[in-house]
Amino acid sequence: MLSDGSFDCALCLILDINLSDGSGIELRHRLADQGVEIPVIYITGNDNPATRMAAMASGCVAYLTKPFTAKSLMQPIEQLLAGAV
């Protein structure tokens, strides 16, 4: 994913906490290390306090647990579009 191209046109990234090759939080840190600063929305089906704290500490704009409503996903995206985040 890191070598797939530019993030210049992206409003945000939606990352699952549990990726097949690591965690979304680790990916967020690798992107930041490469100078990619983009808002992140995390999603997870395995919520726990430690993971939630790590996600929040990484600077996410939202942390959603599955199943979640479309409205709960759209709200932070709309806030980003409005420049409120």
PDB file of N, CA and C in Angstrom:
ATOM      1  N   MET A   1       0.809  -1.188   0.000  1.00  0.00           N
ATOM      2  CA  MET A   1       0.000   0.000   0.000  1.00  0.00           C
ATOM      3  C   MET A   1       0.859   1.261   0.000  1.00  0.00           C
ATOM      4  N   LEU A   2       1.942   1.239   0.742  1.00  0.00           N
ATOM      5  CA  LEU A   2       2.766   2.430   0.836  1.00  0.00           C
ATOM      6  C   LEU A   2       3.363   2.828  -0.509  1.00  0.00           C
ATOM      7  N   SER A   3       3.595   1.865  -1.375  1.00  0.00           N
ATOM      8  CA  SER A   3       4.206   2.171  -2.666  1.00  0.00           C
ATOM      9  C   SER A   3       3.178   2.327  -3.776  1.00  0.00           C
ATOM     10  N   ASP A   4       1.894   2.299  -3.452  1.00  0.00           N
ATOM     11  CA  ASP A   4       0.845   2.362  -4.464  1.00  0.00           C
ATOM     12  C   ASP A   4       0.647   3.739  -5.063  1.00  0.00           C
ATOM     13  N   GLY A   5       1.172   4.757  -4.479  1.00  0.00           N
ATOM     14  CA  GLY A   5       1.003   6.066  -5.090  1.00  0.00           C
ATOM     15  C   GLY A   5       0.862   7.179  -4.086  1.00  0.00           C
ATOM     16  N   SER A   6       0.245   8.242  -4.562  1.00  0.00           N
ATOM     17  CA  SER A   6       0.143   9.473  -3.809  1.00  0.00           C
ATOM     18  C   SER A   6      -1.128   9.521  -2.966  1.00  0.00           C
ATOM     19  N   PHE A   7      -1.035  10.198  -1.862  1.00  0.00           N
ATOM     20  CA  PHE A   7      -2.178  10.416  -0.999  1.00  0.00           C
ATOM     21  C   PHE A   7      -2.675  11.856  -1.123  1.00  0.00           C
ATOM     22  N   ASP A   8      -2.150  12.599  -2.094  1.00  0.00           N
ATOM     23  CA  ASP A   8      -2.456  14.015  -2.217  1.00  0.00           C
ATOM     24  C   ASP A   8      -3.938  14.318  -2.391  1.00  0.00           C
ATOM     25  N   CYS A   9      -4.666  13.469  -3.049  1.00  0.00           N
ATOM     26  CA  CYS A   9      -6.080  13.721  -3.330  1.00  0.00           C
ATOM     27  C   CYS A   9      -7.015  13.075  -2.319  1.00  0.00           C
ATOM     28  N   ALA A  10      -6.483  12.350  -1.378  1.00  0.00           N
ATOM     29  CA  ALA A  10      -7.326  11.639  -0.412  1.00  0.00           C
ATOM     30  C   ALA A  10      -7.759  12.572   0.712  1.00  0.00           C
ATOM     31  N   LEU A  11      -9.007  12.465   1.080  1.00  0.00           N
ATOM     32  CA  LEU A  11      -9.538  13.226   2.209  1.00  0.00           C
ATOM     33  C   LEU A  11      -9.124  12.577   3.525  1.00  0.00           C
ATOM     34  N   CYS A  12      -9.157  11.237   3.540  1.00  0.00           N
ATOM     35  CA  CYS A  12      -8.780  10.488   4.728  1.00  0.00           C
ATOM     36  C   CYS A  12      -8.537   9.036   4.349  1.00  0.00           C
ATOM     37  N   LEU A  13      -7.999   8.292   5.294  1.00  0.00           N
ATOM     38  CA  LEU A  13      -7.843   6.848   5.142  1.00  0.00           C
ATOM     39  C   LEU A  13      -8.780   6.170   6.120  1.00  0.00           C
ATOM     40  N   ILE A  14      -9.393   5.097   5.656  1.00  0.00           N
ATOM     41  CA  ILE A  14     -10.195   4.253   6.535  1.00  0.00           C
ATOM     42  C   ILE A  14      -9.430   2.947   6.656  1.00  0.00           C
ATOM     43  N   LEU A  15      -8.934   2.699   7.860  1.00  0.00           N
ATOM     44  CA  LEU A  15      -8.080   1.537   8.092  1.00  0.00           C
ATOM     45  C   LEU A  15      -8.686   0.604   9.116  1.00  0.00           C
ATOM     46  N   ASP A  16      -8.676  -0.677   8.796  1.00  0.00           N
ATOM     47  CA  ASP A  16      -9.057  -1.669   9.796  1.00  0.00           C
ATOM     48  C   ASP A  16      -7.882  -1.809  10.766  1.00  0.00           C
ATOM     49  N   ILE A  17      -8.193  -1.994  12.012  1.00  0.00           N
ATOM     50  CA  ILE A  17      -7.138  -2.195  13.010  1.00  0.00           C
ATOM     51  C   ILE A  17      -6.363  -3.467  12.709  1.00  0.00           C
ATOM     52  N   ASN A  18      -7.059  -4.526  12.310  1.00  0.00           N
ATOM     53  CA  ASN A  18      -6.429  -5.823  12.067  1.00  0.00           C
ATOM     54  C   ASN A  18      -6.291  -6.077  10.574  1.00  0.00           C
ATOM     55  N   LEU A  19      -5.127  -5.767  10.030  1.00  0.00           N
ATOM     56  CA  LEU A  19      -4.833  -6.017   8.616  1.00  0.00           C
ATOM     57  C   LEU A  19      -4.144  -7.374   8.491  1.00  0.00           C
ATOM     58  N   SER A  20      -4.174  -7.931   7.316  1.00  0.00           N
ATOM     59  CA  SER A  20      -3.577  -9.260   7.125  1.00  0.00           C
ATOM     60  C   SER A  20      -2.067  -9.270   7.363  1.00  0.00           C
ATOM     61  N   ASP A  21      -1.417  -8.133   7.168  1.00  0.00           N
ATOM     62  CA  ASP A  21       0.036  -8.082   7.318  1.00  0.00           C
ATOM     63  C   ASP A  21       0.492  -7.139   8.432  1.00  0.00           C
ATOM     64  N   GLY A  22      -0.366  -6.898   9.398  1.00  0.00           N
ATOM     65  CA  GLY A  22      -0.004  -6.020  10.500  1.00  0.00           C
ATOM     66  C   GLY A  22      -1.231  -5.309  11.028  1.00  0.00           C
ATOM     67  N   SER A  23      -1.020  -4.187  11.664  1.00  0.00           N
ATOM     68  CA  SER A  23      -2.162  -3.444  12.185  1.00  0.00           C
ATOM     69  C   SER A  23      -2.293  -2.106  11.466  1.00  0.00           C
ATOM     70  N   GLY A  24      -3.518  -1.614  11.442  1.00  0.00           N
ATOM     71  CA  GLY A  24      -3.761  -0.297  10.856  1.00  0.00           C
ATOM     72  C   GLY A  24      -3.028   0.794  11.607  1.00  0.00           C
ATOM     73  N   ILE A  25      -2.868   0.613  12.901  1.00  0.00           N
ATOM     74  CA  ILE A  25      -2.146   1.599  13.702  1.00  0.00           C
ATOM     75  C   ILE A  25      -0.675   1.626  13.295  1.00  0.00           C
ATOM     76  N   GLU A  26      -0.084   0.450  13.103  1.00  0.00           N
ATOM     77  CA  GLU A  26       1.309   0.394  12.645  1.00  0.00           C
ATOM     78  C   GLU A  26       1.446   1.031  11.268  1.00  0.00           C
ATOM     79  N   LEU A  27       0.497   0.763  10.386  1.00  0.00           N
ATOM     80  CA  LEU A  27       0.528   1.368   9.054  1.00  0.00           C
ATOM     81  C   LEU A  27       0.457   2.879   9.150  1.00  0.00           C
ATOM     82  N   ARG A  28      -0.391   3.393  10.022  1.00  0.00           N
ATOM     83  CA  ARG A  28      -0.504   4.842  10.227  1.00  0.00           C
ATOM     84  C   ARG A  28       0.829   5.427  10.671  1.00  0.00           C
ATOM     85  N   HIS A  29       1.524   4.740  11.559  1.00  0.00           N
ATOM     86  CA  HIS A  29       2.831   5.225  12.021  1.00  0.00           C
ATOM     87  C   HIS A  29       3.866   5.172  10.900  1.00  0.00           C
ATOM     88  N   ARG A  30       3.837   4.123  10.076  1.00  0.00           N
ATOM     89  CA  ARG A  30       4.777   4.030   8.944  1.00  0.00           C
ATOM     90  C   ARG A  30       4.521   5.148   7.946  1.00  0.00           C
ATOM     91  N   LEU A  31       3.269   5.452   7.690  1.00  0.00           N
ATOM     92  CA  LEU A  31       2.944   6.561   6.787  1.00  0.00           C
ATOM     93  C   LEU A  31       3.464   7.877   7.349  1.00  0.00           C
ATOM     94  N   ALA A  32       3.230   8.107   8.625  1.00  0.00           N
ATOM     95  CA  ALA A  32       3.709   9.340   9.260  1.00  0.00           C
ATOM     96  C   ALA A  32       5.224   9.439   9.184  1.00  0.00           C
ATOM     97  N   ASP A  33       5.915   8.316   9.372  1.00  0.00           N
ATOM     98  CA  ASP A  33       7.378   8.305   9.267  1.00  0.00           C
ATOM     99  C   ASP A  33       7.853   8.689   7.871  1.00  0.00           C
ATOM    100  N   GLN A  34       6.993   8.434   6.866  1.00  0.00           N
ATOM    101  CA  GLN A  34       7.332   8.789   5.483  1.00  0.00           C
ATOM    102  C   GLN A  34       6.808  10.171   5.103  1.00  0.00           C
ATOM    103  N   GLY A  35       6.289  10.903   6.083  1.00  0.00           N
ATOM    104  CA  GLY A  35       5.813  12.260   5.833  1.00  0.00           C
ATOM    105  C   GLY A  35       4.384  12.350   5.335  1.00  0.00           C
ATOM    106  N   VAL A  36       3.649  11.247   5.372  1.00  0.00           N
ATOM    107  CA  VAL A  36       2.255  11.255   4.932  1.00  0.00           C
ATOM    108  C   VAL A  36       1.379  11.573   6.147  1.00  0.00           C
ATOM    109  N   GLU A  37       0.851  12.769   6.158  1.00  0.00           N
ATOM    110  CA  GLU A  37      -0.028  13.200   7.245  1.00  0.00           C
ATOM    111  C   GLU A  37      -1.433  13.314   6.679  1.00  0.00           C
ATOM    112  N   ILE A  38      -2.251  12.338   6.953  1.00  0.00           N
ATOM    113  CA  ILE A  38      -3.616  12.292   6.446  1.00  0.00           C
ATOM    114  C   ILE A  38      -4.527  11.807   7.573  1.00  0.00           C
ATOM    115  N   PRO A  39      -5.703  12.399   7.709  1.00  0.00           N
ATOM    116  CA  PRO A  39      -6.613  11.932   8.760  1.00  0.00           C
ATOM    117  C   PRO A  39      -6.965  10.456   8.578  1.00  0.00           C
ATOM    118  N   VAL A  40      -7.142   9.774   9.710  1.00  0.00           N
ATOM    119  CA  VAL A  40      -7.430   8.346   9.691  1.00  0.00           C
ATOM    120  C   VAL A  40      -8.693   8.047  10.490  1.00  0.00           C
ATOM    121  N   ILE A  41      -9.510   7.185   9.919  1.00  0.00           N
ATOM    122  CA  ILE A  41     -10.652   6.613  10.612  1.00  0.00           C
ATOM    123  C   ILE A  41     -10.343   5.127  10.764  1.00  0.00           C
ATOM    124  N   TYR A  42     -10.323   4.661  12.007  1.00  0.00           N
ATOM    125  CA  TYR A  42     -10.090   3.244  12.255  1.00  0.00           C
ATOM    126  C   TYR A  42     -11.417   2.519  12.416  1.00  0.00           C
ATOM    127  N   ILE A  43     -11.439   1.276  11.936  1.00  0.00           N
ATOM    128  CA  ILE A  43     -12.569   0.394  12.180  1.00  0.00           C
ATOM    129  C   ILE A  43     -12.034  -0.909  12.757  1.00  0.00           C
ATOM    130  N   THR A  44     -12.841  -1.533  13.604  1.00  0.00           N
ATOM    131  CA  THR A  44     -12.407  -2.797  14.192  1.00  0.00           C
ATOM    132  C   THR A  44     -13.593  -3.635  14.643  1.00  0.00           C
ATOM    133  N   GLY A  45     -13.411  -4.914  14.594  1.00  0.00           N
ATOM    134  CA  GLY A  45     -14.383  -5.846  15.132  1.00  0.00           C
ATOM    135  C   GLY A  45     -13.917  -6.425  16.453  1.00  0.00           C
ATOM    136  N   ASN A  46     -12.717  -6.028  16.879  1.00  0.00           N
ATOM    137  CA  ASN A  46     -12.115  -6.557  18.112  1.00  0.00           C
ATOM    138  C   ASN A  46     -11.710  -5.407  19.016  1.00  0.00           C
ATOM    139  N   ASP A  47     -12.685  -4.724  19.555  1.00  0.00           N
ATOM    140  CA  ASP A  47     -12.423  -3.562  20.394  1.00  0.00           C
ATOM    141  C   ASP A  47     -11.901  -3.988  21.762  1.00  0.00           C
ATOM    142  N   ASN A  48     -10.898  -3.264  22.238  1.00  0.00           N
ATOM    143  CA  ASN A  48     -10.441  -3.412  23.613  1.00  0.00           C
ATOM    144  C   ASN A  48      -9.808  -2.090  24.036  1.00  0.00           C
ATOM    145  N   PRO A  49      -9.750  -1.825  25.321  1.00  0.00           N
ATOM    146  CA  PRO A  49      -9.259  -0.521  25.784  1.00  0.00           C
ATOM    147  C   PRO A  49      -7.848  -0.185  25.315  1.00  0.00           C
ATOM    148  N   ALA A  50      -6.939  -1.146  25.302  1.00  0.00           N
ATOM    149  CA  ALA A  50      -5.558  -0.861  24.889  1.00  0.00           C
ATOM    150  C   ALA A  50      -5.493  -0.456  23.418  1.00  0.00           C
ATOM    151  N   THR A  51      -6.225  -1.166  22.584  1.00  0.00           N
ATOM    152  CA  THR A  51      -6.241  -0.836  21.158  1.00  0.00           C
ATOM    153  C   THR A  51      -6.881   0.524  20.932  1.00  0.00           C
ATOM    154  N   ARG A  52      -7.980   0.772  21.612  1.00  0.00           N
ATOM    155  CA  ARG A  52      -8.661   2.069  21.479  1.00  0.00           C
ATOM    156  C   ARG A  52      -7.720   3.210  21.887  1.00  0.00           C
ATOM    157  N   MET A  53      -6.999   3.034  22.988  1.00  0.00           N
ATOM    158  CA  MET A  53      -6.068   4.081  23.443  1.00  0.00           C
ATOM    159  C   MET A  53      -4.947   4.286  22.438  1.00  0.00           C
ATOM    160  N   ALA A  54      -4.410   3.202  21.869  1.00  0.00           N
ATOM    161  CA  ALA A  54      -3.343   3.321  20.871  1.00  0.00           C
ATOM    162  C   ALA A  54      -3.854   4.015  19.618  1.00  0.00           C
ATOM    163  N   ALA A  55      -5.067   3.697  19.221  1.00  0.00           N
ATOM    164  CA  ALA A  55      -5.649   4.338  18.038  1.00  0.00           C
ATOM    165  C   ALA A  55      -5.832   5.834  18.277  1.00  0.00           C
ATOM    166  N   MET A  56      -6.377   6.183  19.424  1.00  0.00           N
ATOM    167  CA  MET A  56      -6.587   7.598  19.737  1.00  0.00           C
ATOM    168  C   MET A  56      -5.247   8.337  19.837  1.00  0.00           C
ATOM    169  N   ALA A  57      -4.251   7.694  20.409  1.00  0.00           N
ATOM    170  CA  ALA A  57      -2.930   8.312  20.543  1.00  0.00           C
ATOM    171  C   ALA A  57      -2.269   8.530  19.181  1.00  0.00           C
ATOM    172  N   SER A  58      -2.654   7.727  18.193  1.00  0.00           N
ATOM    173  CA  SER A  58      -2.059   7.885  16.861  1.00  0.00           C
ATOM    174  C   SER A  58      -2.674   9.057  16.097  1.00  0.00           C
ATOM    175  N   GLY A  59      -3.697   9.672  16.675  1.00  0.00           N
ATOM    176  CA  GLY A  59      -4.275  10.854  16.071  1.00  0.00           C
ATOM    177  C   GLY A  59      -5.432  10.602  15.117  1.00  0.00           C
ATOM    178  N   CYS A  60      -6.197   9.560  15.351  1.00  0.00           N
ATOM    179  CA  CYS A  60      -7.318   9.281  14.453  1.00  0.00           C
ATOM    180  C   CYS A  60      -8.448  10.281  14.664  1.00  0.00           C
ATOM    181  N   VAL A  61      -9.260  10.454  13.624  1.00  0.00           N
ATOM    182  CA  VAL A  61     -10.420  11.338  13.731  1.00  0.00           C
ATOM    183  C   VAL A  61     -11.657  10.578  14.169  1.00  0.00           C
ATOM    184  N   ALA A  62     -11.626   9.247  14.067  1.00  0.00           N
ATOM    185  CA  ALA A  62     -12.740   8.417  14.536  1.00  0.00           C
ATOM    186  C   ALA A  62     -12.255   6.993  14.749  1.00  0.00           C
ATOM    187  N   TYR A  63     -12.934   6.306  15.651  1.00  0.00           N
ATOM    188  CA  TYR A  63     -12.652   4.913  15.974  1.00  0.00           C
ATOM    189  C   TYR A  63     -14.009   4.230  16.041  1.00  0.00           C
ATOM    190  N   LEU A  64     -14.282   3.370  15.073  1.00  0.00           N
ATOM    191  CA  LEU A  64     -15.594   2.745  14.960  1.00  0.00           C
ATOM    192  C   LEU A  64     -15.491   1.245  15.180  1.00  0.00           C
ATOM    193  N   THR A  65     -16.414   0.712  15.956  1.00  0.00           N
ATOM    194  CA  THR A  65     -16.453  -0.727  16.181  1.00  0.00           C
ATOM    195  C   THR A  65     -17.558  -1.344  15.330  1.00  0.00           C
ATOM    196  N   LYS A  66     -17.227  -2.484  14.736  1.00  0.00           N
ATOM    197  CA  LYS A  66     -18.172  -3.198  13.883  1.00  0.00           C
ATOM    198  C   LYS A  66     -19.178  -3.939  14.747  1.00  0.00           C
ATOM    199  N   PRO A  67     -20.409  -4.010  14.358  1.00  0.00           N
ATOM    200  CA  PRO A  67     -20.974  -3.314  13.203  1.00  0.00           C
ATOM    201  C   PRO A  67     -21.243  -1.853  13.557  1.00  0.00           C
ATOM    202  N   PHE A  68     -21.088  -0.975  12.592  1.00  0.00           N
ATOM    203  CA  PHE A  68     -21.378   0.438  12.798  1.00  0.00           C
ATOM    204  C   PHE A  68     -22.339   0.893  11.706  1.00  0.00           C
ATOM    205  N   THR A  69     -23.011   1.987  11.966  1.00  0.00           N
ATOM    206  CA  THR A  69     -23.973   2.506  11.003  1.00  0.00           C
ATOM    207  C   THR A  69     -23.260   3.350   9.949  1.00  0.00           C
ATOM    208  N   ALA A  70     -23.886   3.484   8.814  1.00  0.00           N
ATOM    209  CA  ALA A  70     -23.342   4.352   7.768  1.00  0.00           C
ATOM    210  C   ALA A  70     -23.223   5.783   8.287  1.00  0.00           C
ATOM    211  N   LYS A  71     -24.176   6.198   9.085  1.00  0.00           N
ATOM    212  CA  LYS A  71     -24.149   7.559   9.642  1.00  0.00           C
ATOM    213  C   LYS A  71     -22.916   7.785  10.505  1.00  0.00           C
ATOM    214  N   SER A  72     -22.542   6.774  11.303  1.00  0.00           N
ATOM    215  CA  SER A  72     -21.374   6.945  12.169  1.00  0.00           C
ATOM    216  C   SER A  72     -20.083   7.029  11.366  1.00  0.00           C
ATOM    217  N   LEU A  73     -20.060   6.449  10.174  1.00  0.00           N
ATOM    218  CA  LEU A  73     -18.896   6.581   9.294  1.00  0.00           C
ATOM    219  C   LEU A  73     -18.935   7.916   8.545  1.00  0.00           C
ATOM    220  N   MET A  74     -20.106   8.313   8.110  1.00  0.00           N
ATOM    221  CA  MET A  74     -20.229   9.546   7.333  1.00  0.00           C
ATOM    222  C   MET A  74     -19.986  10.798   8.177  1.00  0.00           C
ATOM    223  N   GLN A  75     -20.327  10.753   9.455  1.00  0.00           N
ATOM    224  CA  GLN A  75     -20.173  11.936  10.294  1.00  0.00           C
ATOM    225  C   GLN A  75     -18.737  12.475  10.328  1.00  0.00           C
ATOM    226  N   PRO A  76     -17.719  11.660  10.614  1.00  0.00           N
ATOM    227  CA  PRO A  76     -16.363  12.226  10.606  1.00  0.00           C
ATOM    228  C   PRO A  76     -15.906  12.642   9.203  1.00  0.00           C
ATOM    229  N   ILE A  77     -16.388  11.953   8.177  1.00  0.00           N
ATOM    230  CA  ILE A  77     -16.035  12.332   6.806  1.00  0.00           C
ATOM    231  C   ILE A  77     -16.638  13.691   6.480  1.00  0.00           C
ATOM    232  N   GLU A  78     -17.889  13.903   6.864  1.00  0.00           N
ATOM    233  CA  GLU A  78     -18.526  15.200   6.642  1.00  0.00           C
ATOM    234  C   GLU A  78     -17.820  16.305   7.422  1.00  0.00           C
ATOM    235  N   GLN A  79     -17.361  15.988   8.634  1.00  0.00           N
ATOM    236  CA  GLN A  79     -16.626  16.975   9.434  1.00  0.00           C
ATOM    237  C   GLN A  79     -15.308  17.336   8.750  1.00  0.00           C
ATOM    238  N   LEU A  80     -14.642  16.341   8.163  1.00  0.00           N
ATOM    239  CA  LEU A  80     -13.408  16.613   7.426  1.00  0.00           C
ATOM    240  C   LEU A  80     -13.684  17.490   6.206  1.00  0.00           C
ATOM    241  N   LEU A  81     -14.762  17.190   5.494  1.00  0.00           N
ATOM    242  CA  LEU A  81     -15.123  17.990   4.320  1.00  0.00           C
ATOM    243  C   LEU A  81     -15.418  19.446   4.701  1.00  0.00           C
ATOM    244  N   ALA A  82     -16.012  19.615   5.873  1.00  0.00           N
ATOM    245  CA  ALA A  82     -16.354  20.952   6.343  1.00  0.00           C
ATOM    246  C   ALA A  82     -15.170  21.672   6.990  1.00  0.00           C
ATOM    247  N   GLY A  83     -14.059  20.939   7.153  1.00  0.00           N
ATOM    248  CA  GLY A  83     -12.874  21.533   7.778  1.00  0.00           C
ATOM    249  C   GLY A  83     -12.987  21.639   9.282  1.00  0.00           C
ATOM    250  N   ALA A  84     -13.910  20.870   9.867  1.00  0.00           N
ATOM    251  CA  ALA A  84     -14.135  20.945  11.314  1.00  0.00           C
ATOM    252  C   ALA A  84     -13.211  20.041  12.110  1.00  0.00           C
ATOM    253  N   VAL A  85     -12.409  19.223  11.432  1.00  0.00           N
ATOM    254  CA  VAL A  85     -11.505  18.317  12.144  1.00  0.00           C
ATOM    255  C   VAL A  85     -10.083  18.679  11.816  1.00  0.00           C
TER     256      VAL A  85
END
